[in-house]
Amino acid sequence: MAEANAIYLSAFFSEADIVIEQTVPSFYNMIHALVGLVVANHLPGVKAEPIVDAVLRRERVSPTVVGEGVSLPHARIEGIERPYLALGVYPAGIPSAETEKPVRLVFLLLVPEHQPARYLQILRALANLLREPGAVDRIAAMGDAEEIMRFLRRSELKLPEYICAGDLMTASPESLSANAPLAGALESFMAGDKVELPIVDDDGRLVGAVDTHAMLGCFIPKGLRKLFPGAKGDLDSNMAALAQRLRDAHRTRVRDAMNTDVCTCQVDTPAREIAAELAERNAVKCYVLDKGGRLIGVIPLAQFFSRILRD
């Protein structure tokens, strides 16, 4: 039975907001058609082009293929009072650079500018729906909008009451073994923009993290001047000695440099608690653990900001 104050996914669109297209449109034409559908059905007098531009800008920042065969392009729109959904069904599939499987379901989502959490709530509800085995294939094979809405209403998926770690995290993050040579962490730091890596034991349980500052301290615990005495201006000699110590990183284990006091949460921890924990610890990441302490996701601080402010 539906709860009196619950918000359900089916509240945001109806049969009129579903289009089934047998031909494969260009990406622009697909977005234009879905936006046009929302404008025609719900936003009389509103121009479609600025909304199309907003969706395309968001897609250029980060394409939103959210699962096998599913995409969720979206944008925050100033001036609308509630979210709107439109569904494009493309049985032939639209090729995507983000996944090997062609996209066959495109959920276009427009959310009010002043409702930053609503997108994540709707996304989680859709993810729960499409997690059902065969759901994407079944919807893509349905012949009319009424049949699709019956399927969607059958589940009557309630939007989650709050945003949690599961909505914000990146799953299956890169990690290192506590017994691995520290040289592996050094290579990861040099190869990209990482500043911290989680450390796990043989069972995948989080035991700590290593960051660039801890690594440098591992090699220079007493300070550069004391470790590398010499002429004050002999920069080349001092840096050569430091470089040699870093090259010898294969002799040091990750556990010798890791920090065990890290920011962690559970998959259902509310976003507000994660924000408080990140701030209080002055942390750059929050690690998401299952009930057994195994690492299942990570929420970098920059990603936390991005999901709340931009997504």
Protein backbone atom coordinates (compact mmCIF):
# COMPACT_ATOMS: atom_id res chain seq x y z
CA MET A 1 0.00 0.00 0.00
CA ALA A 2 1.31 3.46 -0.88
CA GLU A 3 2.41 5.63 2.04
CA ALA A 4 0.53 8.91 2.41
CA ASN A 5 3.58 11.19 2.27
CA ALA A 6 5.74 9.11 -0.07
CA ILE A 7 6.85 10.37 -3.49
CA TYR A 8 6.85 7.75 -6.25
CA LEU A 9 8.76 7.64 -9.50
CA SER A 10 5.57 7.49 -11.56
CA ALA A 11 4.59 10.94 -10.23
CA PHE A 12 7.04 12.60 -12.60
CA PHE A 13 5.76 11.36 -15.96
CA SER A 14 2.94 9.58 -17.76
CA GLU A 15 2.22 7.74 -21.02
CA ALA A 16 2.34 11.06 -22.86
CA ASP A 17 5.99 11.49 -21.84
CA ILE A 18 7.15 8.25 -23.49
CA VAL A 19 8.30 7.94 -27.08
CA ILE A 20 9.17 4.68 -28.85
CA GLU A 21 11.44 5.21 -31.85
CA GLN A 22 12.36 2.34 -34.17
CA THR A 23 15.02 4.31 -36.03
CA VAL A 24 18.28 5.41 -34.41
CA PRO A 25 18.33 9.22 -34.01
CA SER A 26 21.37 11.42 -33.62
CA PHE A 27 22.13 12.34 -30.01
CA TYR A 28 21.08 15.95 -30.58
CA ASN A 29 17.79 14.95 -32.22
CA MET A 30 17.07 12.50 -29.41
CA ILE A 31 17.60 15.14 -26.71
CA HIS A 32 15.66 17.72 -28.72
CA ALA A 33 12.71 15.34 -29.13
CA LEU A 34 12.57 14.39 -25.44
CA VAL A 35 12.86 18.00 -24.27
CA GLY A 36 10.19 18.97 -26.78
CA LEU A 37 7.93 16.30 -25.32
CA VAL A 38 8.28 17.69 -21.79
CA VAL A 39 7.78 21.28 -22.97
CA ALA A 40 4.70 20.41 -25.03
CA ASN A 41 3.08 18.39 -22.23
CA HIS A 42 4.00 20.44 -19.16
CA LEU A 43 5.69 23.77 -19.89
CA PRO A 44 3.51 25.80 -22.27
CA GLY A 45 5.20 28.95 -23.49
CA VAL A 46 8.68 27.79 -22.47
CA LYS A 47 11.31 27.66 -25.22
CA ALA A 48 12.89 24.23 -25.69
CA GLU A 49 16.28 25.32 -27.05
CA PRO A 50 17.75 26.73 -23.80
CA ILE A 51 16.80 23.50 -22.05
CA VAL A 52 18.35 21.41 -24.85
CA ASP A 53 21.53 23.48 -24.53
CA ALA A 54 21.62 22.95 -20.75
CA VAL A 55 21.28 19.17 -21.13
CA LEU A 56 23.96 19.03 -23.82
CA ARG A 57 26.35 21.13 -21.72
CA ARG A 58 25.90 18.74 -18.80
CA GLU A 59 26.49 15.73 -21.06
CA ARG A 60 29.73 17.24 -22.37
CA VAL A 61 31.01 17.54 -18.80
CA SER A 62 30.22 13.92 -17.98
CA PRO A 63 28.12 11.55 -20.13
CA THR A 64 25.37 9.93 -18.09
CA VAL A 65 25.23 6.32 -19.18
CA VAL A 66 24.18 4.89 -15.82
CA GLY A 67 23.93 1.19 -16.65
CA GLU A 68 23.94 -1.40 -19.37
CA GLY A 69 21.73 0.02 -22.10
CA VAL A 70 20.47 2.99 -20.05
CA SER A 71 21.30 6.70 -20.15
CA LEU A 72 19.99 9.49 -17.95
CA PRO A 73 20.78 12.90 -19.46
CA HIS A 74 19.65 15.68 -17.18
CA ALA A 75 19.97 19.32 -16.23
CA ARG A 76 18.94 21.69 -13.50
CA ILE A 77 16.54 24.24 -14.94
CA GLU A 78 15.75 27.62 -13.42
CA GLY A 79 12.07 28.48 -13.25
CA ILE A 80 10.47 25.02 -13.14
CA GLU A 81 8.72 24.02 -9.93
CA ARG A 82 9.03 20.23 -9.98
CA PRO A 83 11.02 17.49 -11.74
CA TYR A 84 9.94 16.20 -15.15
CA LEU A 85 10.85 12.89 -16.76
CA ALA A 86 10.57 11.73 -20.34
CA LEU A 87 11.48 8.28 -21.60
CA GLY A 88 12.83 7.47 -25.03
CA VAL A 89 12.78 3.80 -26.00
CA TYR A 90 15.08 2.82 -28.88
CA PRO A 91 14.85 -0.95 -29.51
CA ALA A 92 17.61 -0.88 -32.14
CA GLY A 93 19.99 0.76 -29.67
CA ILE A 94 22.07 3.93 -29.83
CA PRO A 95 25.86 3.35 -29.93
CA SER A 96 27.66 4.71 -26.86
CA ALA A 97 31.34 5.30 -26.19
CA GLU A 98 30.77 4.64 -22.45
CA THR A 99 29.53 1.06 -22.74
CA GLU A 100 29.78 -1.82 -25.20
CA LYS A 101 26.03 -2.38 -25.07
CA PRO A 102 23.97 0.12 -27.12
CA VAL A 103 21.70 2.46 -25.18
CA ARG A 104 18.05 1.49 -25.56
CA LEU A 105 16.41 3.44 -22.75
CA VAL A 106 16.98 7.17 -22.30
CA PHE A 107 15.40 8.81 -19.27
CA LEU A 108 15.57 12.59 -19.68
CA LEU A 109 15.33 14.33 -16.32
CA LEU A 110 14.79 18.04 -15.74
CA VAL A 111 15.01 19.16 -12.11
CA PRO A 112 14.44 22.58 -10.52
CA GLU A 113 17.56 24.61 -9.83
CA HIS A 114 16.60 24.84 -6.14
CA GLN A 115 16.25 21.06 -5.64
CA PRO A 116 19.86 19.79 -5.78
CA ALA A 117 19.12 16.42 -4.14
CA ARG A 118 16.11 15.46 -6.25
CA TYR A 119 18.17 14.23 -9.21
CA LEU A 120 20.05 11.79 -6.99
CA GLN A 121 16.83 10.55 -5.41
CA ILE A 122 15.23 9.89 -8.79
CA LEU A 123 18.42 8.30 -10.09
CA ARG A 124 18.47 5.86 -7.18
CA ALA A 125 14.81 4.97 -7.74
CA LEU A 126 15.52 4.32 -11.43
CA ALA A 127 18.59 2.26 -10.56
CA ASN A 128 16.51 0.13 -8.19
CA LEU A 129 13.92 -0.40 -10.89
CA LEU A 130 16.41 -1.29 -13.61
CA ARG A 131 18.40 -3.58 -11.30
CA GLU A 132 15.60 -6.14 -11.70
CA PRO A 133 16.98 -8.89 -13.99
CA GLY A 134 15.82 -8.40 -17.57
CA ALA A 135 14.04 -5.10 -16.85
CA VAL A 136 15.85 -3.13 -19.57
CA ASP A 137 15.22 -5.82 -22.18
CA ARG A 138 11.57 -6.08 -21.20
CA ILE A 139 10.90 -2.35 -21.40
CA ALA A 140 12.79 -2.02 -24.71
CA ALA A 141 10.64 -4.80 -26.19
CA MET A 142 7.31 -3.30 -25.14
CA GLY A 143 5.19 -2.03 -27.98
CA ASP A 144 3.36 0.96 -26.52
CA ALA A 145 3.58 3.61 -23.83
CA GLU A 146 0.64 2.29 -21.81
CA GLU A 147 2.32 -1.10 -21.44
CA ILE A 148 5.53 0.58 -20.27
CA MET A 149 3.70 2.70 -17.70
CA ARG A 150 1.88 -0.37 -16.37
CA PHE A 151 5.26 -2.02 -15.85
CA LEU A 152 6.70 1.05 -14.13
CA ARG A 153 3.65 1.60 -11.94
CA ARG A 154 3.63 -2.05 -10.95
CA SER A 155 6.83 -1.51 -8.97
CA GLU A 156 5.61 1.82 -7.52
CA LEU A 157 9.15 2.71 -6.52
CA LYS A 158 9.29 5.23 -3.70
CA LEU A 159 11.94 7.91 -3.84
CA PRO A 160 14.44 7.60 -0.99
CA GLU A 161 13.87 9.98 1.89
CA TYR A 162 17.45 11.30 1.90
CA ILE A 163 20.67 11.25 -0.10
CA CYS A 164 23.17 8.73 1.20
CA ALA A 165 26.67 7.40 0.49
CA GLY A 166 25.34 4.97 -2.10
CA ASP A 167 24.13 7.91 -4.20
CA LEU A 168 27.45 9.75 -4.03
CA MET A 169 30.14 7.08 -4.22
CA THR A 170 32.22 5.61 -6.99
CA ALA A 171 32.06 1.83 -6.69
CA SER A 172 35.05 -0.54 -6.80
CA PRO A 173 37.74 2.10 -6.23
CA GLU A 174 41.42 1.52 -6.89
CA SER A 175 43.17 0.18 -3.79
CA LEU A 176 46.51 -1.25 -2.67
CA SER A 177 47.45 -4.21 -0.51
CA ALA A 178 49.00 -3.41 2.84
CA ASN A 179 51.88 -5.75 1.96
CA ALA A 180 52.53 -4.24 -1.47
CA PRO A 181 55.72 -2.28 -2.12
CA LEU A 182 55.30 1.44 -1.57
CA ALA A 183 56.65 1.89 -5.09
CA GLY A 184 53.19 0.90 -6.39
CA ALA A 185 51.57 3.82 -4.60
CA LEU A 186 54.31 6.11 -5.86
CA GLU A 187 53.63 5.05 -9.45
CA SER A 188 49.89 5.69 -9.01
CA PHE A 189 50.53 9.17 -7.62
CA MET A 190 52.91 10.03 -10.46
CA ALA A 191 50.55 8.66 -13.13
CA GLY A 192 47.56 10.86 -12.36
CA ASP A 193 45.90 13.33 -10.05
CA LYS A 194 45.48 10.99 -7.07
CA VAL A 195 46.58 12.28 -3.67
CA GLU A 196 45.36 9.38 -1.51
CA LEU A 197 44.80 5.64 -2.01
CA PRO A 198 42.93 3.19 0.25
CA ILE A 199 44.79 0.18 1.68
CA VAL A 200 43.04 -3.18 2.11
CA ASP A 201 43.96 -6.55 3.61
CA ASP A 202 43.76 -9.88 1.80
CA ASP A 203 39.99 -10.07 2.42
CA GLY A 204 39.30 -6.59 1.01
CA ARG A 205 38.77 -4.95 4.41
CA LEU A 206 39.92 -1.35 4.68
CA VAL A 207 42.91 -1.01 7.01
CA GLY A 208 44.06 2.51 6.17
CA ALA A 209 45.11 4.91 3.44
CA VAL A 210 48.33 6.34 2.12
CA ASP A 211 48.65 9.86 0.77
CA THR A 212 51.39 11.91 -0.82
CA HIS A 213 52.30 13.69 2.42
CA ALA A 214 52.61 10.42 4.35
CA MET A 215 54.74 8.96 1.61
CA LEU A 216 57.14 11.90 1.62
CA GLY A 217 57.32 11.74 5.41
CA CYS A 218 58.13 8.05 5.22
CA PHE A 219 61.31 8.86 3.32
CA ILE A 220 62.15 12.16 5.06
CA PRO A 221 60.97 11.76 8.66
CA LYS A 222 63.52 14.21 10.09
CA GLY A 223 63.50 16.84 7.39
CA LEU A 224 65.44 17.31 4.19
CA ARG A 225 68.34 19.32 5.70
CA LYS A 226 69.19 16.78 8.40
CA LEU A 227 68.96 13.77 6.10
CA PHE A 228 70.97 15.29 3.29
CA PRO A 229 73.75 17.43 4.82
CA GLY A 230 75.99 19.34 2.46
CA ALA A 231 76.61 22.71 1.03
CA LYS A 232 73.63 24.97 1.50
CA GLY A 233 73.46 25.71 -2.22
CA ASP A 234 74.16 22.13 -3.36
CA LEU A 235 70.59 21.58 -4.58
CA ASP A 236 71.47 18.96 -7.19
CA SER A 237 73.29 16.79 -4.65
CA ASN A 238 70.47 17.00 -2.11
CA MET A 239 67.73 16.21 -4.63
CA ALA A 240 69.76 13.32 -6.08
CA ALA A 241 69.88 11.75 -2.61
CA LEU A 242 66.12 12.24 -2.22
CA ALA A 243 65.45 10.73 -5.65
CA GLN A 244 67.52 7.68 -4.73
CA ARG A 245 65.50 7.15 -1.58
CA LEU A 246 62.30 7.31 -3.62
CA ARG A 247 63.72 4.80 -6.11
CA ASP A 248 64.30 2.43 -3.22
CA ALA A 249 60.56 2.47 -2.46
CA HIS A 250 60.28 -1.20 -3.47
CA ARG A 251 62.02 -2.05 -0.20
CA THR A 252 59.33 -0.31 1.85
CA ARG A 253 55.81 -1.70 2.31
CA VAL A 254 52.61 0.29 2.05
CA ARG A 255 51.73 -0.55 5.67
CA ASP A 256 54.82 1.40 6.81
CA ALA A 257 53.45 4.67 5.39
CA MET A 258 49.69 4.28 5.75
CA ASN A 259 47.40 6.24 8.03
CA THR A 260 44.88 4.10 9.91
CA ASP A 261 42.68 7.01 11.04
CA VAL A 262 40.57 7.44 7.90
CA CYS A 263 37.09 8.78 7.15
CA THR A 264 34.61 5.93 6.63
CA CYS A 265 30.86 5.42 6.31
CA GLN A 266 28.25 2.80 5.42
CA VAL A 267 26.38 2.75 2.12
CA ASP A 268 23.23 4.13 3.78
CA THR A 269 24.97 6.91 5.75
CA PRO A 270 23.14 10.23 5.06
CA ALA A 271 25.03 12.81 2.99
CA ARG A 272 24.82 15.38 5.79
CA GLU A 273 26.74 13.04 8.13
CA ILE A 274 29.38 12.42 5.45
CA ALA A 275 29.83 16.18 5.00
CA ALA A 276 30.29 16.63 8.75
CA GLU A 277 32.80 13.79 8.93
CA LEU A 278 34.84 15.12 6.01
CA ALA A 279 34.92 18.59 7.55
CA GLU A 280 35.79 17.48 11.07
CA ARG A 281 38.61 15.22 9.89
CA ASN A 282 39.84 17.62 7.21
CA ALA A 283 39.71 14.57 4.93
CA VAL A 284 39.96 14.47 1.14
CA LYS A 285 37.98 11.22 0.81
CA CYS A 286 35.37 9.17 2.63
CA TYR A 287 35.55 5.40 2.17
CA VAL A 288 32.33 3.40 1.96
CA LEU A 289 32.40 0.03 3.71
CA ASP A 290 30.02 -2.91 3.84
CA LYS A 291 28.98 -4.41 7.18
CA GLY A 292 32.07 -6.61 7.15
CA GLY A 293 34.41 -3.64 6.77
CA ARG A 294 35.19 -4.40 3.13
CA LEU A 295 35.80 -1.43 0.85
CA ILE A 296 32.97 -1.03 -1.69
CA GLY A 297 33.20 2.62 -2.71
CA VAL A 298 34.84 5.98 -2.28
CA ILE A 299 33.57 9.55 -2.13
CA PRO A 300 36.32 12.05 -2.95
CA LEU A 301 35.63 15.52 -1.57
CA ALA A 302 35.58 17.01 -5.07
CA GLN A 303 33.01 14.41 -6.15
CA PHE A 304 30.87 15.18 -3.12
CA PHE A 305 30.78 18.86 -4.14
CA SER A 306 30.09 17.93 -7.78
CA ARG A 307 27.13 15.70 -6.97
CA ILE A 308 25.54 18.24 -4.65
CA LEU A 309 26.26 21.42 -6.62
CA ARG A 310 26.42 20.36 -10.28
CA ASP A 311 24.79 16.94 -10.83
